[in-house]
Amino acid sequence: MMMISLFVFLLLGTSLALDRTPGASINPFLGKTFYVNPSYQAELASSINTCFPPNCSATTKGTLQRMTSVASAYWLDTMAKINGSSTNTAQGILQSASRQSPVPLVVFIVYDLPNRDCHAKASNGEICCTYNTDGTCNYNVGGDCAAGLQTYKTQYINPLVQLFQQYQNTVPIVAIIEPDSLPNLATNQNDPHCGNSATMTAYTTGINYAVTQIGQNCPQVTMYVDAAHGGWLGWSNNLQDFVQIVSQLNIYQYIRGFSDNVANYQPIGIMCQNTNWCLNNQHPTDPCCSDPCRLLTQYNPANNEMNYVAEVVAAFQQSAGFTPYFVTDTGRDAVASERSDCANWCNIRGAGVGLTPRTSTGTNLIDAFYWLKTPGESDGCTQILPNGSTCARYDSMCGSADSIGSRPGEPRAPVAGQWFDYQIKMLASNANLTRTFS
């Protein structure tokens, strides 16, 4: 711990004086209880009730039962999830949380940009810049996405801001802003779905609007913009492109930092003494250089999420004078070496539920480990759905060699966000919910 603390002190240096984040010295997760959603408890109960040997062990059942008391973020991935009385809506969750004592912290994933998920198909959004005849997004048409952005602003962000205004002084709220979106702009310009003018405008204008509206009207809400993970942006050129995109949005005054590893499977690992500690086969026996995804051989220093966080902090301090803090997704990263290719992200076979939400992270750069992607909710569908019909949102990545459903005899996966009973039982059977950080 002394080595990590010394590294963090040196890394932060005098740049803390340049930190413009409101309340930058305050970790919003500290001292809080975390909201456990009854809707998620019901999903888990449906799997607990069918967990019997030999297909589901008593240990797995015990883990599933333990998970019913664990908090996870709630994804606001449709406009219909803003207002309503059930705990499948932001309004219902905030009402529920406000009635508890002590009032728990609630984490929302803000996720409904026009042309969402431009480099994949599994989570393509409901709001489009231009629509196909079947209601899906036509990513091949450019323009300014004026109609899509108007819908996003008036029917999604504005109602959410009104809710946050109503509850911000009663319920501690954390908002994770639009996972994968700015990372897609940083690395996937050659994909016409991401690089066309409509998508680029939708993402930059939409995220700027979401952050500034929440920041100006709901100052008690803490925001983290998504920064993907080390296996995506860990290469220095990718990260610099990301820094440039974020800087152009002029949102530093409203955000505390970034989320990482959202809905992914990258290992947390151990933070090294500096960001290039493991490159060029240096210190190969140091535990912080463990590299299950073989990223170091590709000259990517972010072999784990701890090292990625340190790299991102250094890049933003140097380029923007901004010291970001992080929320790291640990929902499904307990098994680090199961993938044949760590670019694979869809319903990974052999994965396990990771560390339960906590503020003891081993570094003051990470505010919390949290289950941001809800364990047990599908990443995306197999080409054929469980009911035998064809999946309109099928993404070839969900047919990868590492994805559940790609081998004979495995169950088919439902569409993104739906409950996947086979997956949650697998995740629970491979779980590692505890690890001590000193």
Protein backbone atom coordinates (compact mmCIF):
# COMPACT_ATOMS: atom_id res chain seq x y z
CA MET A 1 0.00 0.00 0.00
CA MET A 2 2.86 2.38 0.74
CA MET A 3 4.18 1.90 -2.80
CA ILE A 4 0.75 2.62 -4.28
CA SER A 5 0.22 5.63 -2.02
CA LEU A 6 3.63 7.05 -2.95
CA PHE A 7 2.87 6.56 -6.62
CA VAL A 8 -0.50 8.27 -6.31
CA PHE A 9 1.07 11.20 -4.44
CA LEU A 10 3.71 11.65 -7.13
CA LEU A 11 1.15 11.18 -9.89
CA LEU A 12 -1.20 13.81 -8.52
CA GLY A 13 1.60 16.26 -7.72
CA THR A 14 0.78 19.92 -8.04
CA SER A 15 -1.90 19.31 -10.65
CA LEU A 16 -4.48 19.00 -7.90
CA ALA A 17 -4.37 22.79 -7.75
CA LEU A 18 -5.75 22.80 -11.29
CA ASP A 19 -8.60 20.42 -10.54
CA ARG A 20 -11.83 22.22 -11.44
CA THR A 21 -14.26 19.52 -10.43
CA PRO A 22 -16.86 20.66 -7.84
CA GLY A 23 -16.31 18.83 -4.58
CA ALA A 24 -13.30 17.06 -6.04
CA SER A 25 -12.03 16.09 -2.61
CA ILE A 26 -15.31 14.36 -1.73
CA ASN A 27 -15.90 10.76 -2.74
CA PRO A 28 -19.71 10.57 -3.11
CA PHE A 29 -19.75 6.86 -2.20
CA LEU A 30 -17.99 7.28 1.14
CA GLY A 31 -20.14 6.61 4.18
CA LYS A 32 -23.19 5.70 2.12
CA THR A 33 -25.33 2.63 1.95
CA PHE A 34 -26.15 1.55 -1.61
CA TYR A 35 -29.59 1.06 -3.12
CA VAL A 36 -30.67 -2.53 -3.74
CA ASN A 37 -33.37 -2.65 -6.39
CA PRO A 38 -36.37 -4.92 -5.66
CA SER A 39 -36.69 -5.49 -9.42
CA TYR A 40 -33.22 -7.02 -9.47
CA GLN A 41 -34.04 -9.09 -6.40
CA ALA A 42 -37.04 -10.48 -8.29
CA GLU A 43 -34.84 -11.42 -11.25
CA LEU A 44 -32.43 -13.22 -8.95
CA ALA A 45 -35.30 -14.96 -7.17
CA SER A 46 -36.47 -16.44 -10.46
CA SER A 47 -33.08 -18.15 -10.81
CA ILE A 48 -32.76 -19.08 -7.14
CA ASN A 49 -36.10 -20.87 -7.34
CA THR A 50 -34.81 -23.12 -10.14
CA CYS A 51 -31.33 -23.74 -8.72
CA PHE A 52 -31.08 -27.45 -7.91
CA PRO A 53 -28.31 -30.06 -8.26
CA PRO A 54 -26.80 -31.35 -10.39
CA ASN A 55 -27.05 -28.37 -12.75
CA CYS A 56 -26.93 -25.75 -9.99
CA SER A 57 -24.99 -26.44 -6.80
CA ALA A 58 -25.81 -25.47 -3.25
CA THR A 59 -22.78 -23.14 -3.31
CA THR A 60 -24.07 -21.41 -6.42
CA LYS A 61 -27.49 -21.05 -4.85
CA GLY A 62 -25.91 -19.54 -1.75
CA THR A 63 -24.07 -17.00 -3.89
CA LEU A 64 -27.26 -16.08 -5.71
CA GLN A 65 -29.00 -15.59 -2.37
CA ARG A 66 -26.16 -13.39 -1.16
CA MET A 67 -26.42 -11.30 -4.32
CA THR A 68 -30.00 -10.34 -3.45
CA SER A 69 -28.58 -7.91 -0.88
CA VAL A 70 -26.02 -6.36 -3.24
CA ALA A 71 -26.52 -3.03 -4.99
CA SER A 72 -26.21 -2.55 -8.73
CA ALA A 73 -26.72 0.36 -11.09
CA TYR A 74 -29.94 0.83 -12.99
CA TRP A 75 -29.81 1.41 -16.77
CA LEU A 76 -32.03 4.18 -18.10
CA ASP A 77 -31.83 2.87 -21.65
CA THR A 78 -35.28 3.95 -22.81
CA MET A 79 -37.37 7.07 -22.39
CA ALA A 80 -40.07 4.96 -20.74
CA LYS A 81 -37.75 4.27 -17.80
CA ILE A 82 -37.67 7.88 -16.59
CA ASN A 83 -41.10 8.40 -15.04
CA GLY A 84 -43.30 5.80 -13.37
CA SER A 85 -44.12 4.27 -10.02
CA SER A 86 -42.28 0.94 -10.32
CA THR A 87 -38.64 0.33 -9.46
CA ASN A 88 -38.07 -0.23 -13.16
CA THR A 89 -38.09 3.57 -13.54
CA ALA A 90 -35.89 6.37 -12.24
CA GLN A 91 -38.85 8.00 -10.52
CA GLY A 92 -39.91 4.80 -8.79
CA ILE A 93 -36.35 4.06 -7.65
CA LEU A 94 -35.88 7.56 -6.23
CA GLN A 95 -39.24 7.37 -4.45
CA SER A 96 -38.28 3.98 -3.03
CA ALA A 97 -34.84 5.16 -1.90
CA SER A 98 -36.20 8.34 -0.31
CA ARG A 99 -38.41 6.28 2.01
CA GLN A 100 -35.52 4.23 3.40
CA SER A 101 -33.47 4.98 6.50
CA PRO A 102 -30.68 5.67 6.02
CA VAL A 103 -31.36 6.92 2.52
CA PRO A 104 -29.11 4.92 0.17
CA LEU A 105 -27.05 6.18 -2.75
CA VAL A 106 -28.53 5.38 -6.16
CA VAL A 107 -26.47 4.86 -9.33
CA PHE A 108 -28.07 5.39 -12.73
CA ILE A 109 -26.62 4.65 -16.16
CA VAL A 110 -27.70 7.44 -18.53
CA TYR A 111 -27.79 5.59 -21.85
CA ASP A 112 -30.07 6.68 -24.68
CA LEU A 113 -28.13 8.83 -27.15
CA PRO A 114 -29.34 9.07 -30.74
CA ASN A 115 -27.55 6.43 -32.86
CA ARG A 116 -26.42 4.73 -29.66
CA ASP A 117 -23.92 1.87 -29.84
CA CYS A 118 -22.70 2.78 -33.31
CA HIS A 119 -20.00 0.07 -33.52
CA ALA A 120 -22.28 -2.77 -32.44
CA LYS A 121 -25.85 -3.95 -32.90
CA ALA A 122 -26.79 -5.51 -29.55
CA SER A 123 -27.72 -2.23 -27.85
CA ASN A 124 -28.65 0.04 -30.73
CA GLY A 125 -30.86 2.72 -29.28
CA GLU A 126 -34.48 3.70 -29.58
CA ILE A 127 -33.63 7.26 -30.69
CA CYS A 128 -32.18 7.59 -34.20
CA CYS A 129 -30.85 10.41 -36.32
CA THR A 130 -32.50 8.73 -39.32
CA TYR A 131 -34.81 5.71 -39.14
CA ASN A 132 -35.04 2.63 -41.34
CA THR A 133 -38.50 1.43 -42.31
CA ASP A 134 -38.39 -1.18 -39.55
CA GLY A 135 -37.76 1.47 -36.88
CA THR A 136 -34.05 0.76 -36.44
CA CYS A 137 -31.35 3.39 -36.92
CA ASN A 138 -29.94 4.11 -40.37
CA TYR A 139 -26.33 4.90 -39.57
CA ASN A 140 -25.39 5.61 -43.19
CA VAL A 141 -27.14 8.96 -43.43
CA GLY A 142 -25.18 12.03 -42.30
CA GLY A 143 -26.48 15.39 -41.18
CA ASP A 144 -26.84 17.24 -37.89
CA CYS A 145 -29.21 14.75 -36.18
CA ALA A 146 -31.44 17.69 -35.26
CA ALA A 147 -34.62 15.65 -34.82
CA GLY A 148 -32.90 12.88 -32.84
CA LEU A 149 -31.20 15.37 -30.55
CA GLN A 150 -34.45 17.22 -29.99
CA THR A 151 -36.06 13.97 -28.84
CA TYR A 152 -33.08 13.13 -26.62
CA LYS A 153 -33.14 16.56 -25.00
CA THR A 154 -36.86 17.06 -24.53
CA GLN A 155 -38.11 13.51 -23.90
CA TYR A 156 -35.14 11.95 -22.14
CA ILE A 157 -32.68 14.39 -20.54
CA ASN A 158 -35.10 17.16 -19.54
CA PRO A 159 -37.50 14.84 -17.66
CA LEU A 160 -34.50 13.18 -16.00
CA VAL A 161 -33.14 16.57 -14.91
CA GLN A 162 -36.53 17.43 -13.42
CA LEU A 163 -36.45 14.22 -11.38
CA PHE A 164 -32.90 14.81 -10.23
CA GLN A 165 -33.83 18.35 -9.19
CA GLN A 166 -36.69 17.01 -7.12
CA TYR A 167 -34.62 14.40 -5.28
CA GLN A 168 -31.03 15.69 -5.29
CA ASN A 169 -31.22 17.05 -1.74
CA THR A 170 -32.91 13.90 -0.44
CA VAL A 171 -31.26 10.99 -2.24
CA PRO A 172 -27.52 10.75 -3.05
CA ILE A 173 -27.40 10.28 -6.84
CA VAL A 174 -24.56 9.18 -9.11
CA ALA A 175 -24.99 9.28 -12.89
CA ILE A 176 -22.77 7.33 -15.31
CA ILE A 177 -22.98 9.13 -18.65
CA GLU A 178 -23.46 7.23 -21.93
CA PRO A 179 -21.15 4.17 -21.82
CA ASP A 180 -19.03 3.48 -24.93
CA SER A 181 -20.07 6.64 -26.77
CA LEU A 182 -17.03 8.92 -26.63
CA PRO A 183 -14.69 5.90 -26.78
CA ASN A 184 -16.38 4.95 -30.07
CA LEU A 185 -15.64 8.42 -31.44
CA ALA A 186 -12.03 8.09 -30.32
CA THR A 187 -11.32 4.76 -32.00
CA ASN A 188 -14.00 3.93 -34.58
CA GLN A 189 -13.96 6.86 -36.98
CA ASN A 190 -13.36 4.43 -39.83
CA ASP A 191 -16.66 2.72 -39.09
CA PRO A 192 -19.19 4.75 -41.12
CA HIS A 193 -21.77 4.14 -38.43
CA CYS A 194 -19.60 6.03 -35.93
CA GLY A 195 -17.67 8.38 -38.21
CA ASN A 196 -20.57 9.95 -40.06
CA SER A 197 -21.55 13.51 -39.20
CA ALA A 198 -24.91 12.56 -37.69
CA THR A 199 -23.50 10.14 -35.11
CA MET A 200 -20.58 12.38 -34.23
CA THR A 201 -22.89 15.35 -33.71
CA ALA A 202 -25.37 13.25 -31.76
CA TYR A 203 -22.71 12.05 -29.34
CA THR A 204 -20.82 15.28 -28.76
CA THR A 205 -23.86 17.54 -28.65
CA GLY A 206 -25.94 15.03 -26.69
CA ILE A 207 -23.34 14.34 -24.01
CA ASN A 208 -22.54 18.04 -23.67
CA TYR A 209 -26.25 18.75 -23.19
CA ALA A 210 -26.76 15.93 -20.69
CA VAL A 211 -23.77 16.89 -18.57
CA THR A 212 -24.33 20.63 -18.60
CA GLN A 213 -28.05 20.37 -17.88
CA ILE A 214 -27.53 18.00 -14.98
CA GLY A 215 -24.51 19.95 -13.76
CA GLN A 216 -26.19 23.35 -13.85
CA ASN A 217 -29.56 22.28 -12.49
CA CYS A 218 -28.61 19.38 -10.22
CA PRO A 219 -25.27 20.25 -8.61
CA GLN A 220 -25.72 17.59 -5.91
CA VAL A 221 -25.69 14.83 -8.55
CA THR A 222 -22.22 13.40 -9.16
CA MET A 223 -21.38 12.52 -12.76
CA TYR A 224 -18.80 10.22 -14.33
CA VAL A 225 -18.44 10.10 -18.12
CA ASP A 226 -17.59 6.67 -19.49
CA ALA A 227 -13.97 5.94 -20.48
CA ALA A 228 -14.33 2.35 -21.73
CA HIS A 229 -11.49 0.12 -20.42
CA GLY A 230 -7.79 -0.56 -20.80
CA GLY A 231 -8.27 -3.11 -23.54
CA TRP A 232 -9.95 -0.42 -25.63
CA LEU A 233 -8.33 2.94 -24.87
CA GLY A 234 -5.12 1.82 -23.17
CA TRP A 235 -2.96 2.45 -26.23
CA SER A 236 -1.49 5.95 -25.97
CA ASN A 237 -2.83 7.15 -29.32
CA ASN A 238 -6.36 5.96 -28.49
CA LEU A 239 -6.21 7.61 -25.08
CA GLN A 240 -4.94 10.90 -26.47
CA ASP A 241 -7.80 10.97 -28.97
CA PHE A 242 -10.20 10.39 -26.11
CA VAL A 243 -8.64 13.19 -24.04
CA GLN A 244 -8.98 15.56 -26.98
CA ILE A 245 -12.65 14.69 -27.52
CA VAL A 246 -13.52 15.15 -23.84
CA SER A 247 -11.60 18.44 -23.67
CA GLN A 248 -13.52 19.84 -26.63
CA LEU A 249 -16.80 19.26 -24.78
CA ASN A 250 -15.83 21.73 -22.04
CA ILE A 251 -17.47 19.69 -19.28
CA TYR A 252 -14.68 19.33 -16.72
CA GLN A 253 -16.38 21.72 -14.32
CA TYR A 254 -19.38 19.39 -14.06
CA ILE A 255 -17.88 15.90 -13.86
CA ARG A 256 -15.95 14.18 -11.10
CA GLY A 257 -14.27 11.78 -13.48
CA PHE A 258 -14.91 8.60 -15.43
CA SER A 259 -16.35 5.13 -15.28
CA ASP A 260 -14.34 2.19 -16.59
CA ASN A 261 -14.86 -1.47 -17.46
CA VAL A 262 -18.62 -0.91 -17.79
CA ALA A 263 -20.28 -4.14 -18.98
CA ASN A 264 -16.85 -5.64 -19.60
CA TYR A 265 -14.64 -8.34 -18.16
CA GLN A 266 -11.18 -6.76 -17.74
CA PRO A 267 -9.24 -7.73 -14.58
CA ILE A 268 -8.81 -5.18 -11.78
CA GLY A 269 -5.27 -6.32 -11.06
CA ILE A 270 -2.72 -4.39 -9.01
CA MET A 271 -1.45 -0.87 -9.71
CA CYS A 272 2.22 -0.63 -10.68
CA GLN A 273 4.71 2.05 -9.65
CA ASN A 274 4.35 3.88 -12.96
CA THR A 275 2.33 3.52 -16.13
CA ASN A 276 5.15 1.97 -18.19
CA TRP A 277 6.39 -0.40 -15.48
CA CYS A 278 5.59 -3.58 -17.40
CA LEU A 279 6.32 -2.59 -21.01
CA ASN A 280 9.21 -4.11 -22.94
CA ASN A 281 9.05 -7.16 -20.67
CA GLN A 282 10.18 -5.17 -17.66
CA HIS A 283 9.45 -6.67 -14.23
CA PRO A 284 7.71 -9.75 -15.65
CA THR A 285 7.45 -11.38 -12.22
CA ASP A 286 5.78 -8.39 -10.58
CA PRO A 287 2.12 -9.30 -9.86
CA CYS A 288 1.06 -5.91 -11.24
CA CYS A 289 2.34 -7.06 -14.66
CA SER A 290 0.03 -10.07 -14.89
CA ASP A 291 -1.41 -9.85 -18.39
CA PRO A 292 -4.21 -12.34 -19.13
CA CYS A 293 -5.27 -10.36 -22.22
CA ARG A 294 -1.72 -10.16 -23.60
CA LEU A 295 -1.99 -6.40 -23.98
CA LEU A 296 1.61 -5.70 -22.99
CA THR A 297 2.84 -7.59 -26.05
CA GLN A 298 0.83 -5.05 -28.10
CA TYR A 299 2.52 -2.15 -26.28
CA ASN A 300 -0.58 -1.35 -24.27
CA PRO A 301 0.42 -0.55 -20.65
CA ALA A 302 -3.16 -1.02 -19.39
CA ASN A 303 -2.84 -4.73 -18.68
CA ASN A 304 -5.36 -4.30 -15.85
CA GLU A 305 -7.90 -1.66 -14.87
CA MET A 306 -5.77 -0.34 -12.00
CA ASN A 307 -2.98 0.49 -14.42
CA TYR A 308 -5.49 1.87 -16.90
CA VAL A 309 -6.87 4.27 -14.28
CA ALA A 310 -3.36 5.51 -13.51
CA GLU A 311 -2.67 5.99 -17.22
CA VAL A 312 -5.89 7.95 -17.79
CA VAL A 313 -5.25 10.18 -14.78
CA ALA A 314 -1.73 10.98 -15.98
CA ALA A 315 -2.98 11.75 -19.51
CA PHE A 316 -5.72 14.14 -18.34
CA GLN A 317 -3.46 15.88 -15.87
CA GLN A 318 -0.82 16.45 -18.49
CA SER A 319 -3.14 17.49 -21.31
CA ALA A 320 -5.98 19.21 -19.47
CA GLY A 321 -4.90 19.93 -15.89
CA PHE A 322 -7.79 17.76 -14.73
CA THR A 323 -7.60 15.05 -12.07
CA PRO A 324 -10.37 12.52 -12.68
CA TYR A 325 -11.66 9.95 -10.20
CA PHE A 326 -13.18 6.65 -11.20
CA VAL A 327 -15.97 4.15 -10.66
CA THR A 328 -14.85 0.70 -11.84
CA ASP A 329 -17.34 -1.97 -12.86
CA THR A 330 -16.64 -5.25 -11.04
CA GLY A 331 -19.89 -7.00 -11.89
CA ARG A 332 -18.40 -9.79 -14.00
CA ASP A 333 -14.61 -9.68 -13.84
CA ALA A 334 -13.79 -12.38 -11.30
CA VAL A 335 -12.25 -14.67 -13.94
CA ALA A 336 -9.60 -12.87 -15.96
CA SER A 337 -8.23 -15.49 -18.32
CA GLU A 338 -11.16 -17.29 -19.88
CA ARG A 339 -11.36 -15.46 -23.23
CA SER A 340 -9.53 -16.61 -26.31
CA ASP A 341 -9.64 -12.98 -27.46
CA CYS A 342 -10.11 -10.18 -24.94
CA ALA A 343 -11.81 -8.03 -27.58
CA ASN A 344 -14.79 -10.36 -27.13
CA TRP A 345 -17.40 -8.80 -24.84
CA CYS A 346 -20.72 -10.58 -25.31
CA ASN A 347 -22.01 -13.05 -22.68
CA ILE A 348 -18.55 -14.44 -22.00
CA ARG A 349 -18.40 -18.12 -21.13
CA GLY A 350 -16.68 -18.91 -17.84
CA ALA A 351 -16.97 -15.40 -16.38
CA GLY A 352 -17.75 -14.82 -12.72
CA VAL A 353 -19.36 -12.15 -10.57
CA GLY A 354 -16.69 -9.86 -9.15
CA LEU A 355 -16.19 -7.73 -6.07
CA THR A 356 -19.26 -6.37 -4.34
CA PRO A 357 -19.65 -2.56 -4.31
CA ARG A 358 -17.20 -0.86 -1.95
CA THR A 359 -15.05 2.22 -1.44
CA SER A 360 -12.00 0.28 -0.25
CA THR A 361 -10.26 0.07 -3.61
CA GLY A 362 -6.54 0.26 -2.83
CA THR A 363 -6.13 3.69 -4.43
CA ASN A 364 -7.74 7.07 -3.89
CA LEU A 365 -8.05 7.42 -7.67
CA ILE A 366 -10.95 4.94 -7.68
CA ASP A 367 -13.94 6.17 -5.69
CA ALA A 368 -15.70 2.82 -5.77
CA PHE A 369 -15.94 -0.63 -7.23
CA TYR A 370 -19.57 -1.10 -8.26
CA TRP A 371 -21.79 -3.47 -10.21
CA LEU A 372 -22.52 -1.10 -13.08
CA LYS A 373 -23.59 -3.77 -15.55
CA THR A 374 -26.30 -5.77 -13.80
CA PRO A 375 -25.01 -9.35 -13.45
CA GLY A 376 -27.40 -11.72 -15.19
CA GLU A 377 -28.77 -9.31 -17.77
CA SER A 378 -27.73 -10.36 -21.26
CA ASP A 379 -25.14 -8.45 -23.29
CA GLY A 380 -26.88 -9.33 -26.52
CA CYS A 381 -28.74 -12.06 -28.33
CA THR A 382 -27.63 -15.11 -30.23
CA GLN A 383 -28.71 -15.17 -33.87
CA ILE A 384 -31.65 -17.35 -32.87
CA LEU A 385 -33.52 -16.28 -29.76
CA PRO A 386 -34.59 -18.69 -26.99
CA ASN A 387 -38.10 -18.79 -28.51
CA GLY A 388 -36.72 -19.88 -31.89
CA SER A 389 -37.24 -16.62 -33.74
CA THR A 390 -34.49 -14.60 -35.41
CA CYS A 391 -32.93 -11.80 -33.38
CA ALA A 392 -33.18 -8.45 -35.21
CA ARG A 393 -30.39 -7.01 -33.04
CA TYR A 394 -27.96 -9.87 -33.51
CA ASP A 395 -24.32 -8.78 -33.34
CA SER A 396 -21.67 -11.16 -34.65
CA MET A 397 -19.68 -10.54 -31.45
CA CYS A 398 -22.43 -12.46 -29.62
CA GLY A 399 -21.51 -15.45 -31.76
CA SER A 400 -17.82 -15.26 -30.85
CA ALA A 401 -15.94 -18.35 -29.73
CA ASP A 402 -16.10 -17.02 -26.16
CA SER A 403 -19.83 -16.25 -26.12
CA ILE A 404 -22.46 -18.44 -24.51
CA GLY A 405 -24.55 -20.01 -27.24
CA SER A 406 -21.76 -20.41 -29.78
CA ARG A 407 -21.16 -24.06 -28.82
CA PRO A 408 -23.53 -26.95 -29.48
CA GLY A 409 -25.76 -27.69 -26.53
CA GLU A 410 -25.51 -24.23 -24.98
CA PRO A 411 -28.67 -22.19 -24.46
CA ARG A 412 -29.51 -19.29 -26.73
CA ALA A 413 -29.11 -15.80 -25.34
CA PRO A 414 -31.95 -13.24 -25.11
CA VAL A 415 -31.68 -9.64 -26.32
CA ALA A 416 -29.51 -7.16 -24.44
CA GLY A 417 -30.85 -6.29 -21.00
CA GLN A 418 -33.16 -9.29 -20.63
CA TRP A 419 -32.63 -11.83 -17.86
CA PHE A 420 -30.35 -14.72 -18.84
CA ASP A 421 -30.87 -17.53 -16.31
CA TYR A 422 -28.06 -19.74 -17.59
CA GLN A 423 -25.60 -16.85 -17.47
CA ILE A 424 -26.38 -15.73 -13.91
CA LYS A 425 -25.97 -19.25 -12.60
CA MET A 426 -22.62 -19.51 -14.38
CA LEU A 427 -21.55 -16.11 -13.03
CA ALA A 428 -22.51 -17.14 -9.52
CA SER A 429 -20.70 -20.47 -9.79
CA ASN A 430 -17.48 -18.62 -10.71
CA ALA A 431 -17.93 -15.70 -8.33
CA ASN A 432 -15.23 -14.00 -6.26
CA LEU A 433 -17.08 -11.41 -4.23
CA THR A 434 -14.33 -10.48 -1.80
CA ARG A 435 -10.75 -9.28 -1.95
CA THR A 436 -8.81 -7.33 0.64
CA PHE A 437 -7.19 -4.05 -0.37
CA SER A 438 -4.78 -2.61 2.19
